Amino acid sequence: MTTTSVSRPVGELLRQWRERRRMSQMDLALQAEISTRHLSFVETGRSNPSREMILRLAEELDLPLRERNHLLLSGGFAPVYSETPLGSPEMAAVREALGQVLSGHEPYPAVVVDQRWNVIDRNAATGLLLRGVAPELLVPPVNVLRLSLHPRGMSQRIINLGEWRAHLLHRLRRQISLTADPELSALWRELDDYPCDQPVPEIDRPGPGDIVIPLRIRRGYRELAFFSTMATFGTPLDITVAELAIEAYFPANPETAAYLQHQHHPD
C-alpha cells in the first residue's frame, strides 16, 4: 500500500518531506550540492527534476525506498527499486540468513518483523513470551506491538507495563515521523486507546541500575527481564529487504539467563 499519492506533483511531495525532516531549502540544497534557487523551482513546479535529481534529493532526505519509488512515479519516471516476495527463489539467501540468526539466537527469543511490526518469522524461544496470549491475537498477520499491549496479550504478564508501553509508543511515533505511514498512524491510535493501570511516563527514564529499558515479564513466581536489539540489512536495494528487521531479546540479568538456559537444556 502506498503512503503518498503519486498523483500529486513531485515538487510538492519533496517539499513536504523536507519540512517533515525539518530542513530548510538551504540545508537540503547544500547537502544535495545544488542551488537553493533550483530547489525552490523544483518544489514550486517551475522546474521538472530529472530522475537523477529526484534520487539525489531522496537520498539526502533519507527516504524509505518505497517512498523513493513514489517520488519517481510522481515525476513521470519508472520505479527503480524492486519489491521481491520473500518466498521467491531470488530471496533464498535472505531467508537463509534470517533463519540462521533466529536459530542461532536461541535459547533467547527473536522475531523478524516488517515495517508495520507484523511477524514474518520467529524462533521457538518466543513461545515463552506468548504463553497466556488470547488465540485471536496469534492469527496471522500477528502484530508485535498489538500483541505486547493488548489487554488480552502479553500486557497481562508485563510487570512494568506503563514503562514498556511508553517505550513502544515513543518508538512508534519516531517511526511515523520518518515514514509518514498512515497504517502506522492508525496502529498508534489503536495502541494508545488500550487501557493501562500503571502510570505511563512522558519520557523514558531508567530505574535503579538500568542501562536500558527492560521488559519485565511474570513467569509463574519468577520475574524475567529482557532488553532488545534491532538489526536490519545493510545497504538494501530491494523494498522487501529494506523493510525487514530482526528484534532479538537478551536476558537483562543472570537469573533470566540461567532460567532460559535451563529451559533449553533441562538436564
C-alpha atoms as a PDB file:
ATOM      1  CA  MET A   1       0.000   0.000   0.000  1.00  0.00           C
ATOM      2  CA  THR A   2       1.321   3.430  -0.870  1.00  0.00           C
ATOM      3  CA  THR A   3       1.855   6.082   1.771  1.00  0.00           C
ATOM      4  CA  THR A   4       1.784   9.059  -0.564  1.00  0.00           C
ATOM      5  CA  SER A   5      -0.321   9.859  -3.587  1.00  0.00           C
ATOM      6  CA  VAL A   6       1.561   9.574  -6.878  1.00  0.00           C
ATOM      7  CA  SER A   7      -0.967  11.944  -8.499  1.00  0.00           C
ATOM      8  CA  ARG A   8       0.473  14.898  -6.570  1.00  0.00           C
ATOM      9  CA  PRO A   9       3.329  16.925  -8.106  1.00  0.00           C
ATOM     10  CA  VAL A  10       6.779  15.635  -7.274  1.00  0.00           C
ATOM     11  CA  GLY A  11       7.882  19.096  -6.155  1.00  0.00           C
ATOM     12  CA  GLU A  12       5.082  19.293  -3.613  1.00  0.00           C
ATOM     13  CA  LEU A  13       5.974  15.867  -2.243  1.00  0.00           C
ATOM     14  CA  LEU A  14       9.636  16.821  -1.962  1.00  0.00           C
ATOM     15  CA  ARG A  15       8.725  19.998  -0.094  1.00  0.00           C
ATOM     16  CA  GLN A  16       6.533  18.055   2.337  1.00  0.00           C
ATOM     17  CA  TRP A  17       9.306  15.558   3.015  1.00  0.00           C
ATOM     18  CA  ARG A  18      11.816  18.373   3.511  1.00  0.00           C
ATOM     19  CA  GLU A  19       9.523  20.055   6.024  1.00  0.00           C
ATOM     20  CA  ARG A  20       8.897  16.738   7.754  1.00  0.00           C
ATOM     21  CA  ARG A  21      12.669  16.361   8.137  1.00  0.00           C
ATOM     22  CA  ARG A  22      12.757  19.937   9.497  1.00  0.00           C
ATOM     23  CA  MET A  23      15.247  21.048   6.889  1.00  0.00           C
ATOM     24  CA  SER A  24      15.365  24.440   5.229  1.00  0.00           C
ATOM     25  CA  GLN A  25      15.715  24.788   1.471  1.00  0.00           C
ATOM     26  CA  MET A  26      19.271  25.970   2.051  1.00  0.00           C
ATOM     27  CA  ASP A  27      20.082  22.913   4.205  1.00  0.00           C
ATOM     28  CA  LEU A  28      18.828  20.467   1.589  1.00  0.00           C
ATOM     29  CA  ALA A  29      20.358  22.367  -1.319  1.00  0.00           C
ATOM     30  CA  LEU A  30      23.781  22.389   0.344  1.00  0.00           C
ATOM     31  CA  GLN A  31      23.630  18.659   1.094  1.00  0.00           C
ATOM     32  CA  ALA A  32      22.486  17.846  -2.449  1.00  0.00           C
ATOM     33  CA  GLU A  33      25.062  20.268  -3.932  1.00  0.00           C
ATOM     34  CA  ILE A  34      22.520  22.272  -5.923  1.00  0.00           C
ATOM     35  CA  SER A  35      21.467  25.907  -5.729  1.00  0.00           C
ATOM     36  CA  THR A  36      18.691  26.994  -3.388  1.00  0.00           C
ATOM     37  CA  ARG A  37      17.063  28.670  -6.392  1.00  0.00           C
ATOM     38  CA  HIS A  38      16.997  25.402  -8.329  1.00  0.00           C
ATOM     39  CA  LEU A  39      15.471  23.544  -5.371  1.00  0.00           C
ATOM     40  CA  SER A  40      12.859  26.278  -4.993  1.00  0.00           C
ATOM     41  CA  PHE A  41      11.939  25.939  -8.675  1.00  0.00           C
ATOM     42  CA  VAL A  42      11.628  22.155  -8.276  1.00  0.00           C
ATOM     43  CA  GLU A  43       9.369  22.460  -5.224  1.00  0.00           C
ATOM     44  CA  THR A  44       7.089  25.035  -6.853  1.00  0.00           C
ATOM     45  CA  GLY A  45       6.851  23.140 -10.132  1.00  0.00           C
ATOM     46  CA  ARG A  46       8.687  25.765 -12.190  1.00  0.00           C
ATOM     47  CA  SER A  47      11.393  23.199 -12.948  1.00  0.00           C
ATOM     48  CA  ASN A  48      10.901  19.493 -13.652  1.00  0.00           C
ATOM     49  CA  PRO A  49      13.575  17.468 -11.827  1.00  0.00           C
ATOM     50  CA  SER A  50      15.448  14.734 -13.633  1.00  0.00           C
ATOM     51  CA  ARG A  51      15.370  11.131 -12.468  1.00  0.00           C
ATOM     52  CA  GLU A  52      18.862  11.566 -11.024  1.00  0.00           C
ATOM     53  CA  MET A  53      17.858  14.751  -9.203  1.00  0.00           C
ATOM     54  CA  ILE A  54      14.847  13.045  -7.590  1.00  0.00           C
ATOM     55  CA  LEU A  55      17.019  10.179  -6.396  1.00  0.00           C
ATOM     56  CA  ARG A  56      19.695  12.556  -5.088  1.00  0.00           C
ATOM     57  CA  LEU A  57      17.180  14.598  -3.087  1.00  0.00           C
ATOM     58  CA  ALA A  58      15.504  11.424  -1.810  1.00  0.00           C
ATOM     59  CA  GLU A  59      18.887  10.162  -0.626  1.00  0.00           C
ATOM     60  CA  GLU A  60      19.640  13.399   1.233  1.00  0.00           C
ATOM     61  CA  LEU A  61      16.166  13.290   2.795  1.00  0.00           C
ATOM     62  CA  ASP A  62      16.830   9.681   3.895  1.00  0.00           C
ATOM     63  CA  LEU A  63      13.548   8.476   2.416  1.00  0.00           C
ATOM     64  CA  PRO A  64      12.440   4.825   2.554  1.00  0.00           C
ATOM     65  CA  LEU A  65      12.915   3.004  -0.756  1.00  0.00           C
ATOM     66  CA  ARG A  66       9.156   2.697  -1.177  1.00  0.00           C
ATOM     67  CA  GLU A  67       8.800   6.475  -0.970  1.00  0.00           C
ATOM     68  CA  ARG A  68      11.624   6.979  -3.472  1.00  0.00           C
ATOM     69  CA  ASN A  69       9.654   4.931  -5.983  1.00  0.00           C
ATOM     70  CA  HIS A  70       6.586   7.082  -5.317  1.00  0.00           C
ATOM     71  CA  LEU A  71       8.573  10.239  -5.986  1.00  0.00           C
ATOM     72  CA  LEU A  72       9.846   8.814  -9.262  1.00  0.00           C
ATOM     73  CA  LEU A  73       6.313   7.933 -10.355  1.00  0.00           C
ATOM     74  CA  SER A  74       5.140  11.421  -9.440  1.00  0.00           C
ATOM     75  CA  GLY A  75       7.957  12.845 -11.545  1.00  0.00           C
ATOM     76  CA  GLY A  76       6.988  10.724 -14.546  1.00  0.00           C
ATOM     77  CA  PHE A  77       9.692   8.081 -14.191  1.00  0.00           C
ATOM     78  CA  ALA A  78       9.586   4.321 -13.676  1.00  0.00           C
ATOM     79  CA  PRO A  79      10.395   3.000 -10.190  1.00  0.00           C
ATOM     80  CA  VAL A  80      13.947   1.726  -9.727  1.00  0.00           C
ATOM     81  CA  TYR A  81      13.603  -0.294  -6.521  1.00  0.00           C
ATOM     82  CA  SER A  82      12.117  -3.764  -6.767  1.00  0.00           C
ATOM     83  CA  GLU A  83       9.841  -5.397  -4.200  1.00  0.00           C
ATOM     84  CA  THR A  84      10.590  -9.109  -4.345  1.00  0.00           C
ATOM     85  CA  PRO A  85       8.364 -11.512  -2.361  1.00  0.00           C
ATOM     86  CA  LEU A  86      10.320 -13.070   0.490  1.00  0.00           C
ATOM     87  CA  GLY A  87       9.279 -16.547  -0.629  1.00  0.00           C
ATOM     88  CA  SER A  88      10.685 -16.157  -4.143  1.00  0.00           C
ATOM     89  CA  PRO A  89      13.794 -18.095  -5.293  1.00  0.00           C
ATOM     90  CA  GLU A  90      15.763 -14.841  -5.575  1.00  0.00           C
ATOM     91  CA  MET A  91      15.392 -14.320  -1.817  1.00  0.00           C
ATOM     92  CA  ALA A  92      16.794 -17.711  -0.794  1.00  0.00           C
ATOM     93  CA  ALA A  93      19.983 -16.185   0.638  1.00  0.00           C
ATOM     94  CA  VAL A  94      17.972 -13.661   2.639  1.00  0.00           C
ATOM     95  CA  ARG A  95      15.698 -16.372   4.064  1.00  0.00           C
ATOM     96  CA  GLU A  96      18.702 -18.478   4.973  1.00  0.00           C
ATOM     97  CA  ALA A  97      20.368 -15.558   6.739  1.00  0.00           C
ATOM     98  CA  LEU A  98      17.212 -14.817   8.717  1.00  0.00           C
ATOM     99  CA  GLY A  99      16.852 -18.469   9.709  1.00  0.00           C
ATOM    100  CA  GLN A 100      20.454 -18.643  10.878  1.00  0.00           C
ATOM    101  CA  VAL A 101      20.056 -15.551  13.044  1.00  0.00           C
ATOM    102  CA  LEU A 102      16.813 -16.797  14.594  1.00  0.00           C
ATOM    103  CA  SER A 103      18.056 -20.301  15.374  1.00  0.00           C
ATOM    104  CA  GLY A 104      21.475 -19.063  16.443  1.00  0.00           C
ATOM    105  CA  HIS A 105      19.918 -16.705  18.980  1.00  0.00           C
ATOM    106  CA  GLU A 106      18.197 -19.492  20.930  1.00  0.00           C
ATOM    107  CA  PRO A 107      17.564 -20.029  23.800  1.00  0.00           C
ATOM    108  CA  TYR A 108      16.721 -16.329  23.693  1.00  0.00           C
ATOM    109  CA  PRO A 109      13.650 -15.030  21.798  1.00  0.00           C
ATOM    110  CA  ALA A 110      13.939 -13.346  18.405  1.00  0.00           C
ATOM    111  CA  VAL A 111      11.432 -12.305  15.734  1.00  0.00           C
ATOM    112  CA  VAL A 112      11.595 -10.994  12.174  1.00  0.00           C
ATOM    113  CA  VAL A 113       9.119  -8.172  11.514  1.00  0.00           C
ATOM    114  CA  ASP A 114       8.176  -5.978   8.578  1.00  0.00           C
ATOM    115  CA  GLN A 115       7.962  -2.185   8.693  1.00  0.00           C
ATOM    116  CA  ARG A 116       4.497  -2.337  10.277  1.00  0.00           C
ATOM    117  CA  TRP A 117       5.621  -4.735  13.015  1.00  0.00           C
ATOM    118  CA  ASN A 118       3.915  -7.786  11.562  1.00  0.00           C
ATOM    119  CA  VAL A 119       5.721 -11.045  12.353  1.00  0.00           C
ATOM    120  CA  ILE A 120       7.405 -12.633   9.349  1.00  0.00           C
ATOM    121  CA  ASP A 121       9.206 -15.370  11.293  1.00  0.00           C
ATOM    122  CA  ARG A 122      10.232 -16.200  14.846  1.00  0.00           C
ATOM    123  CA  ASN A 123      12.268 -18.745  16.756  1.00  0.00           C
ATOM    124  CA  ALA A 124      10.955 -21.346  19.191  1.00  0.00           C
ATOM    125  CA  ALA A 125      12.102 -19.358  22.237  1.00  0.00           C
ATOM    126  CA  THR A 126       9.433 -16.702  21.604  1.00  0.00           C
ATOM    127  CA  GLY A 127       6.897 -19.230  22.878  1.00  0.00           C
ATOM    128  CA  LEU A 128       7.993 -18.249  26.384  1.00  0.00           C
ATOM    129  CA  LEU A 129       6.699 -14.716  25.794  1.00  0.00           C
ATOM    130  CA  LEU A 130       3.438 -15.820  24.185  1.00  0.00           C
ATOM    131  CA  ARG A 131       2.052 -18.009  26.963  1.00  0.00           C
ATOM    132  CA  GLY A 132      -1.390 -16.884  28.066  1.00  0.00           C
ATOM    133  CA  VAL A 133      -1.988 -14.707  24.993  1.00  0.00           C
ATOM    134  CA  ALA A 134      -5.528 -14.822  23.538  1.00  0.00           C
ATOM    135  CA  PRO A 135      -5.618 -17.137  20.489  1.00  0.00           C
ATOM    136  CA  GLU A 136      -7.143 -14.490  18.206  1.00  0.00           C
ATOM    137  CA  LEU A 137      -4.050 -12.321  18.666  1.00  0.00           C
ATOM    138  CA  LEU A 138      -1.926 -15.128  17.227  1.00  0.00           C
ATOM    139  CA  VAL A 139      -3.880 -15.372  13.976  1.00  0.00           C
ATOM    140  CA  PRO A 140      -1.687 -14.097  11.100  1.00  0.00           C
ATOM    141  CA  PRO A 141      -0.741 -11.411  10.478  1.00  0.00           C
ATOM    142  CA  VAL A 142       0.478 -11.192  14.070  1.00  0.00           C
ATOM    143  CA  ASN A 143       1.469  -7.684  15.066  1.00  0.00           C
ATOM    144  CA  VAL A 144       4.206  -7.497  17.702  1.00  0.00           C
ATOM    145  CA  LEU A 145       3.100  -4.159  19.155  1.00  0.00           C
ATOM    146  CA  ARG A 146      -0.556  -5.164  19.346  1.00  0.00           C
ATOM    147  CA  LEU A 147       0.487  -8.477  20.894  1.00  0.00           C
ATOM    148  CA  SER A 148       2.519  -6.628  23.526  1.00  0.00           C
ATOM    149  CA  LEU A 149      -0.022  -4.022  24.644  1.00  0.00           C
ATOM    150  CA  HIS A 150      -3.435  -5.595  24.008  1.00  0.00           C
ATOM    151  CA  PRO A 151      -5.337  -6.287  27.274  1.00  0.00           C
ATOM    152  CA  ARG A 152      -5.553  -9.976  26.309  1.00  0.00           C
ATOM    153  CA  GLY A 153      -1.999 -10.109  25.056  1.00  0.00           C
ATOM    154  CA  MET A 154       1.376 -10.034  26.777  1.00  0.00           C
ATOM    155  CA  SER A 155       0.376  -6.980  28.809  1.00  0.00           C
ATOM    156  CA  GLN A 156      -1.299  -9.304  31.337  1.00  0.00           C
ATOM    157  CA  ARG A 157       2.168 -10.501  32.370  1.00  0.00           C
ATOM    158  CA  ILE A 158       4.270  -7.377  31.826  1.00  0.00           C
ATOM    159  CA  ILE A 159       5.254  -6.148  35.272  1.00  0.00           C
ATOM    160  CA  ASN A 160       6.410  -2.698  34.128  1.00  0.00           C
ATOM    161  CA  LEU A 161       3.565  -2.207  31.635  1.00  0.00           C
ATOM    162  CA  GLY A 162       3.398   1.589  31.936  1.00  0.00           C
ATOM    163  CA  GLU A 163       7.116   1.959  31.297  1.00  0.00           C
ATOM    164  CA  TRP A 164       7.163  -0.567  28.440  1.00  0.00           C
ATOM    165  CA  ARG A 165       4.040   0.922  26.866  1.00  0.00           C
ATOM    166  CA  ALA A 166       5.639   4.385  26.856  1.00  0.00           C
ATOM    167  CA  HIS A 167       8.782   2.961  25.258  1.00  0.00           C
ATOM    168  CA  LEU A 168       6.853   1.215  22.453  1.00  0.00           C
ATOM    169  CA  LEU A 169       4.620   4.203  21.715  1.00  0.00           C
ATOM    170  CA  HIS A 170       7.591   6.582  21.643  1.00  0.00           C
ATOM    171  CA  ARG A 171       9.408   4.275  19.239  1.00  0.00           C
ATOM    172  CA  LEU A 172       6.339   4.007  17.013  1.00  0.00           C
ATOM    173  CA  ARG A 173       5.924   7.795  16.957  1.00  0.00           C
ATOM    174  CA  ARG A 174       9.524   8.208  15.812  1.00  0.00           C
ATOM    175  CA  GLN A 175       8.953   5.689  13.035  1.00  0.00           C
ATOM    176  CA  ILE A 176       5.805   7.527  11.905  1.00  0.00           C
ATOM    177  CA  SER A 177       7.740  10.792  11.742  1.00  0.00           C
ATOM    178  CA  LEU A 178      10.307   9.131   9.469  1.00  0.00           C
ATOM    179  CA  THR A 179       7.929   7.231   7.178  1.00  0.00           C
ATOM    180  CA  ALA A 180       4.601   9.152   7.243  1.00  0.00           C
ATOM    181  CA  ASP A 181       2.923   5.738   7.004  1.00  0.00           C
ATOM    182  CA  PRO A 182      -0.851   6.120   7.638  1.00  0.00           C
ATOM    183  CA  GLU A 183      -1.173   2.468   8.694  1.00  0.00           C
ATOM    184  CA  LEU A 184       1.400   3.032  11.429  1.00  0.00           C
ATOM    185  CA  SER A 185      -0.514   6.144  12.499  1.00  0.00           C
ATOM    186  CA  ALA A 186      -3.708   4.063  12.741  1.00  0.00           C
ATOM    187  CA  LEU A 187      -1.824   1.422  14.747  1.00  0.00           C
ATOM    188  CA  TRP A 188      -0.530   4.103  17.147  1.00  0.00           C
ATOM    189  CA  ARG A 189      -4.076   5.375  17.755  1.00  0.00           C
ATOM    190  CA  GLU A 190      -5.261   1.821  18.420  1.00  0.00           C
ATOM    191  CA  LEU A 191      -2.460   1.094  20.872  1.00  0.00           C
ATOM    192  CA  ASP A 192      -2.875   4.442  22.607  1.00  0.00           C
ATOM    193  CA  ASP A 193      -6.519   3.545  23.335  1.00  0.00           C
ATOM    194  CA  TYR A 194      -5.623   0.312  25.144  1.00  0.00           C
ATOM    195  CA  PRO A 195      -6.139   0.514  28.924  1.00  0.00           C
ATOM    196  CA  CYS A 196      -3.173   0.621  31.276  1.00  0.00           C
ATOM    197  CA  ASP A 197      -3.450   0.534  35.060  1.00  0.00           C
ATOM    198  CA  GLN A 198       0.047   1.920  35.597  1.00  0.00           C
ATOM    199  CA  PRO A 199       1.488   5.421  35.199  1.00  0.00           C
ATOM    200  CA  VAL A 200       2.832   5.961  31.677  1.00  0.00           C
ATOM    201  CA  PRO A 201       5.899   8.237  31.766  1.00  0.00           C
ATOM    202  CA  GLU A 202       6.198  11.038  29.231  1.00  0.00           C
ATOM    203  CA  ILE A 203       9.865  10.209  28.625  1.00  0.00           C
ATOM    204  CA  ASP A 204      11.940   7.056  29.026  1.00  0.00           C
ATOM    205  CA  ARG A 205      13.526   7.081  32.473  1.00  0.00           C
ATOM    206  CA  PRO A 206      15.819   4.318  33.755  1.00  0.00           C
ATOM    207  CA  GLY A 207      15.101   2.585  37.010  1.00  0.00           C
ATOM    208  CA  PRO A 208      17.802   1.926  39.621  1.00  0.00           C
ATOM    209  CA  GLY A 209      20.676   0.094  37.953  1.00  0.00           C
ATOM    210  CA  ASP A 210      19.048   0.053  34.499  1.00  0.00           C
ATOM    211  CA  ILE A 211      21.193   0.862  31.463  1.00  0.00           C
ATOM    212  CA  VAL A 212      18.381   0.110  29.004  1.00  0.00           C
ATOM    213  CA  ILE A 213      14.613  -0.070  29.403  1.00  0.00           C
ATOM    214  CA  PRO A 214      13.899  -3.692  30.351  1.00  0.00           C
ATOM    215  CA  LEU A 215      10.877  -5.793  29.522  1.00  0.00           C
ATOM    216  CA  ARG A 216       9.895  -7.413  32.816  1.00  0.00           C
ATOM    217  CA  ILE A 217       7.695 -10.492  32.382  1.00  0.00           C
ATOM    218  CA  ARG A 218       5.945 -12.513  35.083  1.00  0.00           C
ATOM    219  CA  ARG A 219       6.610 -16.233  34.632  1.00  0.00           C
ATOM    220  CA  GLY A 220       4.893 -18.095  37.469  1.00  0.00           C
ATOM    221  CA  TYR A 221       6.608 -16.877  40.628  1.00  0.00           C
ATOM    222  CA  ARG A 222       9.608 -15.646  38.645  1.00  0.00           C
ATOM    223  CA  GLU A 223      10.352 -12.315  37.055  1.00  0.00           C
ATOM    224  CA  LEU A 224      12.201 -12.491  33.747  1.00  0.00           C
ATOM    225  CA  ALA A 225      13.878  -9.361  32.405  1.00  0.00           C
ATOM    226  CA  PHE A 226      14.948  -8.692  28.811  1.00  0.00           C
ATOM    227  CA  PHE A 227      16.376  -5.947  26.665  1.00  0.00           C
ATOM    228  CA  SER A 228      16.176  -5.999  22.891  1.00  0.00           C
ATOM    229  CA  THR A 229      18.233  -5.009  19.875  1.00  0.00           C
ATOM    230  CA  MET A 230      17.059  -4.266  16.323  1.00  0.00           C
ATOM    231  CA  ALA A 231      19.064  -5.421  13.287  1.00  0.00           C
ATOM    232  CA  THR A 232      18.455  -4.557   9.642  1.00  0.00           C
ATOM    233  CA  PHE A 233      20.158  -5.436   6.367  1.00  0.00           C
ATOM    234  CA  GLY A 234      22.962  -3.126   5.325  1.00  0.00           C
ATOM    235  CA  THR A 235      22.610  -1.155   2.058  1.00  0.00           C
ATOM    236  CA  PRO A 236      19.405  -2.862   0.862  1.00  0.00           C
ATOM    237  CA  LEU A 237      18.308  -2.209  -2.724  1.00  0.00           C
ATOM    238  CA  ASP A 238      15.023  -4.117  -2.527  1.00  0.00           C
ATOM    239  CA  ILE A 239      11.970  -2.775  -0.705  1.00  0.00           C
ATOM    240  CA  THR A 240      11.154  -6.114   0.937  1.00  0.00           C
ATOM    241  CA  VAL A 241      14.672  -6.439   2.340  1.00  0.00           C
ATOM    242  CA  ALA A 242      14.794  -2.786   3.406  1.00  0.00           C
ATOM    243  CA  GLU A 243      11.589  -3.185   5.424  1.00  0.00           C
ATOM    244  CA  LEU A 244      12.699  -6.287   7.357  1.00  0.00           C
ATOM    245  CA  ALA A 245      14.103  -6.086  10.872  1.00  0.00           C
ATOM    246  CA  ILE A 246      15.155  -8.645  13.459  1.00  0.00           C
ATOM    247  CA  GLU A 247      14.288  -7.896  17.072  1.00  0.00           C
ATOM    248  CA  ALA A 248      16.421 -10.038  19.335  1.00  0.00           C
ATOM    249  CA  TYR A 249      15.814 -10.287  23.081  1.00  0.00           C
ATOM    250  CA  PHE A 250      18.642 -10.789  25.546  1.00  0.00           C
ATOM    251  CA  PRO A 251      18.486 -11.581  29.269  1.00  0.00           C
ATOM    252  CA  ALA A 252      18.888  -8.414  31.329  1.00  0.00           C
ATOM    253  CA  ASN A 253      20.183 -10.236  34.411  1.00  0.00           C
ATOM    254  CA  PRO A 254      21.934 -13.518  35.300  1.00  0.00           C
ATOM    255  CA  GLU A 255      18.760 -15.056  36.751  1.00  0.00           C
ATOM    256  CA  THR A 256      16.897 -14.707  33.450  1.00  0.00           C
ATOM    257  CA  ALA A 257      19.855 -16.096  31.508  1.00  0.00           C
ATOM    258  CA  ALA A 258      20.116 -19.119  33.820  1.00  0.00           C
ATOM    259  CA  TYR A 259      16.373 -19.812  33.546  1.00  0.00           C
ATOM    260  CA  LEU A 260      16.407 -19.680  29.730  1.00  0.00           C
ATOM    261  CA  GLN A 261      19.477 -21.879  29.524  1.00  0.00           C
ATOM    262  CA  HIS A 262      17.822 -24.418  31.835  1.00  0.00           C
ATOM    263  CA  GLN A 263      14.646 -24.426  29.729  1.00  0.00           C
ATOM    264  CA  HIS A 264      16.778 -25.068  26.642  1.00  0.00           C
ATOM    265  CA  HIS A 265      18.941 -27.739  28.280  1.00  0.00           C
ATOM    266  CA  PRO A 266      16.877 -29.072  31.247  1.00  0.00           C
ATOM    267  CA  ASP A 267      19.439 -31.750  32.050  1.00  0.00           C
END
